Amino acid sequence: GGHTSGSARPCEVSQDGKDPHNSVVFSLKNQVGGLARALQVFQVMVRSLIASLRKIISFWEELSLFLK
């Protein structure tokens, strides 16, 4: 991956721990493609998550067919 100028910091949404959501605040320099480069890491993570979910769904479908 490339290095982007600026910073990102996680923000806790809820102090009581009941809210499972997180936020990220970006501070980027005004340059062409800066936001796209900063968001690229999330694209990679989402693709990885989707691939993992497909494996899990496939496993459960195969198990369901086996049990029938």
PDB file of N, CA and C in Angstrom:
ATOM      1  N   GLY A   1       0.804  -1.181   0.000  1.00  0.00           N
ATOM      2  CA  GLY A   1       0.000   0.000   0.000  1.00  0.00           C
ATOM      3  C   GLY A   1       0.847   1.244   0.000  1.00  0.00           C
ATOM      4  N   GLY A   2       0.239   2.327  -0.402  1.00  0.00           N
ATOM      5  CA  GLY A   2       0.937   3.600  -0.428  1.00  0.00           C
ATOM      6  C   GLY A   2       0.781   4.347   0.870  1.00  0.00           C
ATOM      7  N   HIS A   3       1.606   5.332   1.046  1.00  0.00           N
ATOM      8  CA  HIS A   3       1.550   6.175   2.233  1.00  0.00           C
ATOM      9  C   HIS A   3       0.756   7.421   1.893  1.00  0.00           C
ATOM     10  N   THR A   4      -0.155   7.788   2.770  1.00  0.00           N
ATOM     11  CA  THR A   4      -0.914   9.006   2.537  1.00  0.00           C
ATOM     12  C   THR A   4      -0.540  10.035   3.580  1.00  0.00           C
ATOM     13  N   SER A   5      -0.579  11.270   3.182  1.00  0.00           N
ATOM     14  CA  SER A   5      -0.323  12.354   4.122  1.00  0.00           C
ATOM     15  C   SER A   5      -1.579  12.606   4.924  1.00  0.00           C
ATOM     16  N   GLY A   6      -1.426  13.033   6.144  1.00  0.00           N
ATOM     17  CA  GLY A   6      -2.565  13.296   6.999  1.00  0.00           C
ATOM     18  C   GLY A   6      -2.619  12.274   8.109  1.00  0.00           C
ATOM     19  N   SER A   7      -3.749  12.235   8.778  1.00  0.00           N
ATOM     20  CA  SER A   7      -3.874  11.294   9.883  1.00  0.00           C
ATOM     21  C   SER A   7      -5.300  10.805   9.994  1.00  0.00           C
ATOM     22  N   ALA A   8      -5.456   9.688  10.673  1.00  0.00           N
ATOM     23  CA  ALA A   8      -6.775   9.139  10.968  1.00  0.00           C
ATOM     24  C   ALA A   8      -6.737   8.660  12.402  1.00  0.00           C
ATOM     25  N   ARG A   9      -7.817   8.898  13.110  1.00  0.00           N
ATOM     26  CA  ARG A   9      -7.860   8.448  14.492  1.00  0.00           C
ATOM     27  C   ARG A   9      -9.226   7.845  14.780  1.00  0.00           C
ATOM     28  N   PRO A  10      -9.256   6.726  15.505  1.00  0.00           N
ATOM     29  CA  PRO A  10     -10.547   6.127  15.850  1.00  0.00           C
ATOM     30  C   PRO A  10     -11.249   6.965  16.904  1.00  0.00           C
ATOM     31  N   CYS A  11     -12.553   7.009  16.852  1.00  0.00           N
ATOM     32  CA  CYS A  11     -13.347   7.730  17.844  1.00  0.00           C
ATOM     33  C   CYS A  11     -14.306   6.749  18.493  1.00  0.00           C
ATOM     34  N   GLU A  12     -14.303   6.691  19.788  1.00  0.00           N
ATOM     35  CA  GLU A  12     -15.228   5.812  20.487  1.00  0.00           C
ATOM     36  C   GLU A  12     -16.615   6.436  20.435  1.00  0.00           C
ATOM     37  N   VAL A  13     -17.597   5.662  20.003  1.00  0.00           N
ATOM     38  CA  VAL A  13     -18.946   6.171  19.838  1.00  0.00           C
ATOM     39  C   VAL A  13     -19.698   6.183  21.160  1.00  0.00           C
ATOM     40  N   SER A  14     -19.526   5.143  21.957  1.00  0.00           N
ATOM     41  CA  SER A  14     -20.305   5.001  23.169  1.00  0.00           C
ATOM     42  C   SER A  14     -19.402   4.634  24.334  1.00  0.00           C
ATOM     43  N   GLN A  15     -19.546   5.305  25.440  1.00  0.00           N
ATOM     44  CA  GLN A  15     -18.736   5.016  26.619  1.00  0.00           C
ATOM     45  C   GLN A  15     -19.210   3.755  27.337  1.00  0.00           C
ATOM     46  N   ASP A  16     -20.484   3.379  27.180  1.00  0.00           N
ATOM     47  CA  ASP A  16     -21.012   2.226  27.904  1.00  0.00           C
ATOM     48  C   ASP A  16     -20.753   0.904  27.193  1.00  0.00           C
ATOM     49  N   GLY A  17     -20.191   0.929  25.996  1.00  0.00           N
ATOM     50  CA  GLY A  17     -19.850  -0.295  25.280  1.00  0.00           C
ATOM     51  C   GLY A  17     -21.034  -0.979  24.634  1.00  0.00           C
ATOM     52  N   LYS A  18     -22.214  -0.379  24.667  1.00  0.00           N
ATOM     53  CA  LYS A  18     -23.404  -1.006  24.097  1.00  0.00           C
ATOM     54  C   LYS A  18     -23.513  -0.792  22.592  1.00  0.00           C
ATOM     55  N   ASP A  19     -22.898   0.238  22.081  1.00  0.00           N
ATOM     56  CA  ASP A  19     -22.957   0.534  20.652  1.00  0.00           C
ATOM     57  C   ASP A  19     -21.790  -0.158  19.959  1.00  0.00           C
ATOM     58  N   PRO A  20     -22.082  -1.132  19.066  1.00  0.00           N
ATOM     59  CA  PRO A  20     -21.002  -1.890  18.423  1.00  0.00           C
ATOM     60  C   PRO A  20     -20.328  -1.160  17.264  1.00  0.00           C
ATOM     61  N   HIS A  21     -20.714   0.071  16.990  1.00  0.00           N
ATOM     62  CA  HIS A  21     -20.173   0.807  15.853  1.00  0.00           C
ATOM     63  C   HIS A  21     -18.956   1.629  16.248  1.00  0.00           C
ATOM     64  N   ASN A  22     -18.084   1.826  15.299  1.00  0.00           N
ATOM     65  CA  ASN A  22     -16.908   2.670  15.485  1.00  0.00           C
ATOM     66  C   ASN A  22     -16.893   3.741  14.412  1.00  0.00           C
ATOM     67  N   SER A  23     -16.173   4.795  14.691  1.00  0.00           N
ATOM     68  CA  SER A  23     -16.017   5.878  13.721  1.00  0.00           C
ATOM     69  C   SER A  23     -14.539   6.160  13.520  1.00  0.00           C
ATOM     70  N   VAL A  24     -14.209   6.657  12.340  1.00  0.00           N
ATOM     71  CA  VAL A  24     -12.844   7.076  12.052  1.00  0.00           C
ATOM     72  C   VAL A  24     -12.927   8.484  11.484  1.00  0.00           C
ATOM     73  N   VAL A  25     -12.102   9.367  12.003  1.00  0.00           N
ATOM     74  CA  VAL A  25     -12.055  10.742  11.517  1.00  0.00           C
ATOM     75  C   VAL A  25     -10.769  10.910  10.721  1.00  0.00           C
ATOM     76  N   PHE A  26     -10.892  11.341   9.463  1.00  0.00           N
ATOM     77  CA  PHE A  26      -9.733  11.528   8.604  1.00  0.00           C
ATOM     78  C   PHE A  26      -9.353  12.995   8.547  1.00  0.00           C
ATOM     79  N   SER A  27      -8.081  13.235   8.568  1.00  0.00           N
ATOM     80  CA  SER A  27      -7.551  14.571   8.340  1.00  0.00           C
ATOM     81  C   SER A  27      -6.535  14.436   7.216  1.00  0.00           C
ATOM     82  N   LEU A  28      -6.923  14.865   6.020  1.00  0.00           N
ATOM     83  CA  LEU A  28      -6.088  14.669   4.840  1.00  0.00           C
ATOM     84  C   LEU A  28      -5.688  16.002   4.238  1.00  0.00           C
ATOM     85  N   LYS A  29      -4.528  16.002   3.628  1.00  0.00           N
ATOM     86  CA  LYS A  29      -4.116  17.179   2.868  1.00  0.00           C
ATOM     87  C   LYS A  29      -4.949  17.234   1.596  1.00  0.00           C
ATOM     88  N   ASN A  30      -5.185  18.415   1.107  1.00  0.00           N
ATOM     89  CA  ASN A  30      -5.957  18.606  -0.106  1.00  0.00           C
ATOM     90  C   ASN A  30      -5.070  18.288  -1.308  1.00  0.00           C
ATOM     91  N   GLN A  31      -5.105  17.030  -1.726  1.00  0.00           N
ATOM     92  CA  GLN A  31      -4.318  16.613  -2.884  1.00  0.00           C
ATOM     93  C   GLN A  31      -5.125  15.609  -3.694  1.00  0.00           C
ATOM     94  N   VAL A  32      -4.867  15.556  -4.977  1.00  0.00           N
ATOM     95  CA  VAL A  32      -5.591  14.671  -5.874  1.00  0.00           C
ATOM     96  C   VAL A  32      -5.367  13.220  -5.458  1.00  0.00           C
ATOM     97  N   GLY A  33      -6.455  12.483  -5.267  1.00  0.00           N
ATOM     98  CA  GLY A  33      -6.380  11.063  -4.944  1.00  0.00           C
ATOM     99  C   GLY A  33      -6.112  10.760  -3.482  1.00  0.00           C
ATOM    100  N   GLY A  34      -6.005  11.765  -2.641  1.00  0.00           N
ATOM    101  CA  GLY A  34      -5.696  11.545  -1.227  1.00  0.00           C
ATOM    102  C   GLY A  34      -6.753  10.726  -0.506  1.00  0.00           C
ATOM    103  N   LEU A  35      -8.012  11.066  -0.710  1.00  0.00           N
ATOM    104  CA  LEU A  35      -9.091  10.335  -0.057  1.00  0.00           C
ATOM    105  C   LEU A  35      -9.175   8.906  -0.580  1.00  0.00           C
ATOM    106  N   ALA A  36      -9.020   8.728  -1.883  1.00  0.00           N
ATOM    107  CA  ALA A  36      -9.068   7.386  -2.468  1.00  0.00           C
ATOM    108  C   ALA A  36      -7.978   6.502  -1.883  1.00  0.00           C
ATOM    109  N   ARG A  37      -6.776   7.041  -1.726  1.00  0.00           N
ATOM    110  CA  ARG A  37      -5.682   6.257  -1.142  1.00  0.00           C
ATOM    111  C   ARG A  37      -5.968   5.926   0.319  1.00  0.00           C
ATOM    112  N   ALA A  38      -6.527   6.875   1.046  1.00  0.00           N
ATOM    113  CA  ALA A  38      -6.825   6.641   2.459  1.00  0.00           C
ATOM    114  C   ALA A  38      -7.908   5.581   2.635  1.00  0.00           C
ATOM    115  N   LEU A  39      -8.878   5.559   1.735  1.00  0.00           N
ATOM    116  CA  LEU A  39      -9.980   4.602   1.845  1.00  0.00           C
ATOM    117  C   LEU A  39      -9.648   3.237   1.264  1.00  0.00           C
ATOM    118  N   GLN A  40      -8.551   3.114   0.554  1.00  0.00           N
ATOM    119  CA  GLN A  40      -8.179   1.855  -0.086  1.00  0.00           C
ATOM    120  C   GLN A  40      -8.019   0.731   0.932  1.00  0.00           C
ATOM    121  N   VAL A  41      -7.514   1.021   2.110  1.00  0.00           N
ATOM    122  CA  VAL A  41      -7.338  -0.008   3.131  1.00  0.00           C
ATOM    123  C   VAL A  41      -8.682  -0.629   3.508  1.00  0.00           C
ATOM    124  N   PHE A  42      -9.741   0.172   3.530  1.00  0.00           N
ATOM    125  CA  PHE A  42     -11.057  -0.365   3.853  1.00  0.00           C
ATOM    126  C   PHE A  42     -11.568  -1.267   2.735  1.00  0.00           C
ATOM    127  N   GLN A  43     -11.268  -0.923   1.490  1.00  0.00           N
ATOM    128  CA  GLN A  43     -11.675  -1.747   0.361  1.00  0.00           C
ATOM    129  C   GLN A  43     -11.040  -3.126   0.469  1.00  0.00           C
ATOM    130  N   VAL A  44      -9.772  -3.179   0.828  1.00  0.00           N
ATOM    131  CA  VAL A  44      -9.070  -4.455   0.988  1.00  0.00           C
ATOM    132  C   VAL A  44      -9.703  -5.255   2.121  1.00  0.00           C
ATOM    133  N   MET A  45     -10.012  -4.594   3.233  1.00  0.00           N
ATOM    134  CA  MET A  45     -10.613  -5.279   4.375  1.00  0.00           C
ATOM    135  C   MET A  45     -11.998  -5.820   4.036  1.00  0.00           C
ATOM    136  N   VAL A  46     -12.790  -5.056   3.301  1.00  0.00           N
ATOM    137  CA  VAL A  46     -14.131  -5.494   2.925  1.00  0.00           C
ATOM    138  C   VAL A  46     -14.044  -6.695   1.988  1.00  0.00           C
ATOM    139  N   ARG A  47     -13.137  -6.663   1.035  1.00  0.00           N
ATOM    140  CA  ARG A  47     -12.968  -7.811   0.130  1.00  0.00           C
ATOM    141  C   ARG A  47     -12.580  -9.060   0.903  1.00  0.00           C
ATOM    142  N   SER A  48     -11.705  -8.920   1.880  1.00  0.00           N
ATOM    143  CA  SER A  48     -11.287 -10.051   2.707  1.00  0.00           C
ATOM    144  C   SER A  48     -12.465 -10.589   3.515  1.00  0.00           C
ATOM    145  N   LEU A  49     -13.261  -9.698   4.070  1.00  0.00           N
ATOM    146  CA  LEU A  49     -14.434 -10.101   4.845  1.00  0.00           C
ATOM    147  C   LEU A  49     -15.428 -10.842   3.965  1.00  0.00           C
ATOM    148  N   ILE A  50     -15.672 -10.339   2.767  1.00  0.00           N
ATOM    149  CA  ILE A  50     -16.607 -10.986   1.847  1.00  0.00           C
ATOM    150  C   ILE A  50     -16.120 -12.384   1.483  1.00  0.00           C
ATOM    151  N   ALA A  51     -14.827 -12.538   1.230  1.00  0.00           N
ATOM    152  CA  ALA A  51     -14.276 -13.852   0.900  1.00  0.00           C
ATOM    153  C   ALA A  51     -14.469 -14.816   2.067  1.00  0.00           C
ATOM    154  N   SER A  52     -14.252 -14.347   3.286  1.00  0.00           N
ATOM    155  CA  SER A  52     -14.443 -15.195   4.468  1.00  0.00           C
ATOM    156  C   SER A  52     -15.902 -15.585   4.634  1.00  0.00           C
ATOM    157  N   LEU A  53     -16.798 -14.640   4.422  1.00  0.00           N
ATOM    158  CA  LEU A  53     -18.223 -14.930   4.552  1.00  0.00           C
ATOM    159  C   LEU A  53     -18.676 -15.943   3.506  1.00  0.00           C
ATOM    160  N   ARG A  54     -18.140 -15.850   2.302  1.00  0.00           N
ATOM    161  CA  ARG A  54     -18.497 -16.823   1.260  1.00  0.00           C
ATOM    162  C   ARG A  54     -18.089 -18.231   1.671  1.00  0.00           C
ATOM    163  N   LYS A  55     -16.925 -18.368   2.298  1.00  0.00           N
ATOM    164  CA  LYS A  55     -16.473 -19.681   2.762  1.00  0.00           C
ATOM    165  C   LYS A  55     -17.414 -20.222   3.831  1.00  0.00           C
ATOM    166  N   ILE A  56     -17.836 -19.369   4.757  1.00  0.00           N
ATOM    167  CA  ILE A  56     -18.733 -19.791   5.834  1.00  0.00           C
ATOM    168  C   ILE A  56     -20.089 -20.195   5.266  1.00  0.00           C
ATOM    169  N   ILE A  57     -20.622 -19.394   4.351  1.00  0.00           N
ATOM    170  CA  ILE A  57     -21.917 -19.699   3.746  1.00  0.00           C
ATOM    171  C   ILE A  57     -21.840 -21.008   2.979  1.00  0.00           C
ATOM    172  N   SER A  58     -20.767 -21.212   2.240  1.00  0.00           N
ATOM    173  CA  SER A  58     -20.584 -22.451   1.491  1.00  0.00           C
ATOM    174  C   SER A  58     -20.549 -23.648   2.431  1.00  0.00           C
ATOM    175  N   PHE A  59     -19.846 -23.503   3.558  1.00  0.00           N
ATOM    176  CA  PHE A  59     -19.767 -24.583   4.543  1.00  0.00           C
ATOM    177  C   PHE A  59     -21.160 -24.945   5.048  1.00  0.00           C
ATOM    178  N   TRP A  60     -21.965 -23.938   5.412  1.00  0.00           N
ATOM    179  CA  TRP A  60     -23.296 -24.201   5.947  1.00  0.00           C
ATOM    180  C   TRP A  60     -24.216 -24.788   4.884  1.00  0.00           C
ATOM    181  N   GLU A  61     -24.076 -24.375   3.637  1.00  0.00           N
ATOM    182  CA  GLU A  61     -24.883 -24.949   2.561  1.00  0.00           C
ATOM    183  C   GLU A  61     -24.532 -26.416   2.362  1.00  0.00           C
ATOM    184  N   GLU A  62     -23.241 -26.745   2.383  1.00  0.00           N
ATOM    185  CA  GLU A  62     -22.816 -28.134   2.239  1.00  0.00           C
ATOM    186  C   GLU A  62     -23.294 -28.969   3.417  1.00  0.00           C
ATOM    187  N   LEU A  63     -23.214 -28.426   4.616  1.00  0.00           N
ATOM    188  CA  LEU A  63     -23.670 -29.138   5.804  1.00  0.00           C
ATOM    189  C   LEU A  63     -25.170 -29.375   5.738  1.00  0.00           C
ATOM    190  N   SER A  64     -25.910 -28.378   5.291  1.00  0.00           N
ATOM    191  CA  SER A  64     -27.356 -28.504   5.166  1.00  0.00           C
ATOM    192  C   SER A  64     -27.723 -29.610   4.183  1.00  0.00           C
ATOM    193  N   LEU A  65     -27.043 -29.661   3.048  1.00  0.00           N
ATOM    194  CA  LEU A  65     -27.300 -30.712   2.063  1.00  0.00           C
ATOM    195  C   LEU A  65     -26.952 -32.082   2.622  1.00  0.00           C
ATOM    196  N   PHE A  66     -25.872 -32.158   3.385  1.00  0.00           N
ATOM    197  CA  PHE A  66     -25.443 -33.422   3.977  1.00  0.00           C
ATOM    198  C   PHE A  66     -26.471 -33.922   4.986  1.00  0.00           C
ATOM    199  N   LEU A  67     -27.026 -33.019   5.775  1.00  0.00           N
ATOM    200  CA  LEU A  67     -27.974 -33.406   6.816  1.00  0.00           C
ATOM    201  C   LEU A  67     -29.333 -33.789   6.257  1.00  0.00           C
ATOM    202  N   LYS A  68     -29.672 -33.300   5.071  1.00  0.00           N
ATOM    203  CA  LYS A  68     -30.964 -33.648   4.463  1.00  0.00           C
ATOM    204  C   LYS A  68     -30.900 -35.082   4.040  1.00  0.00           C
TER     205      LYS A  68
END
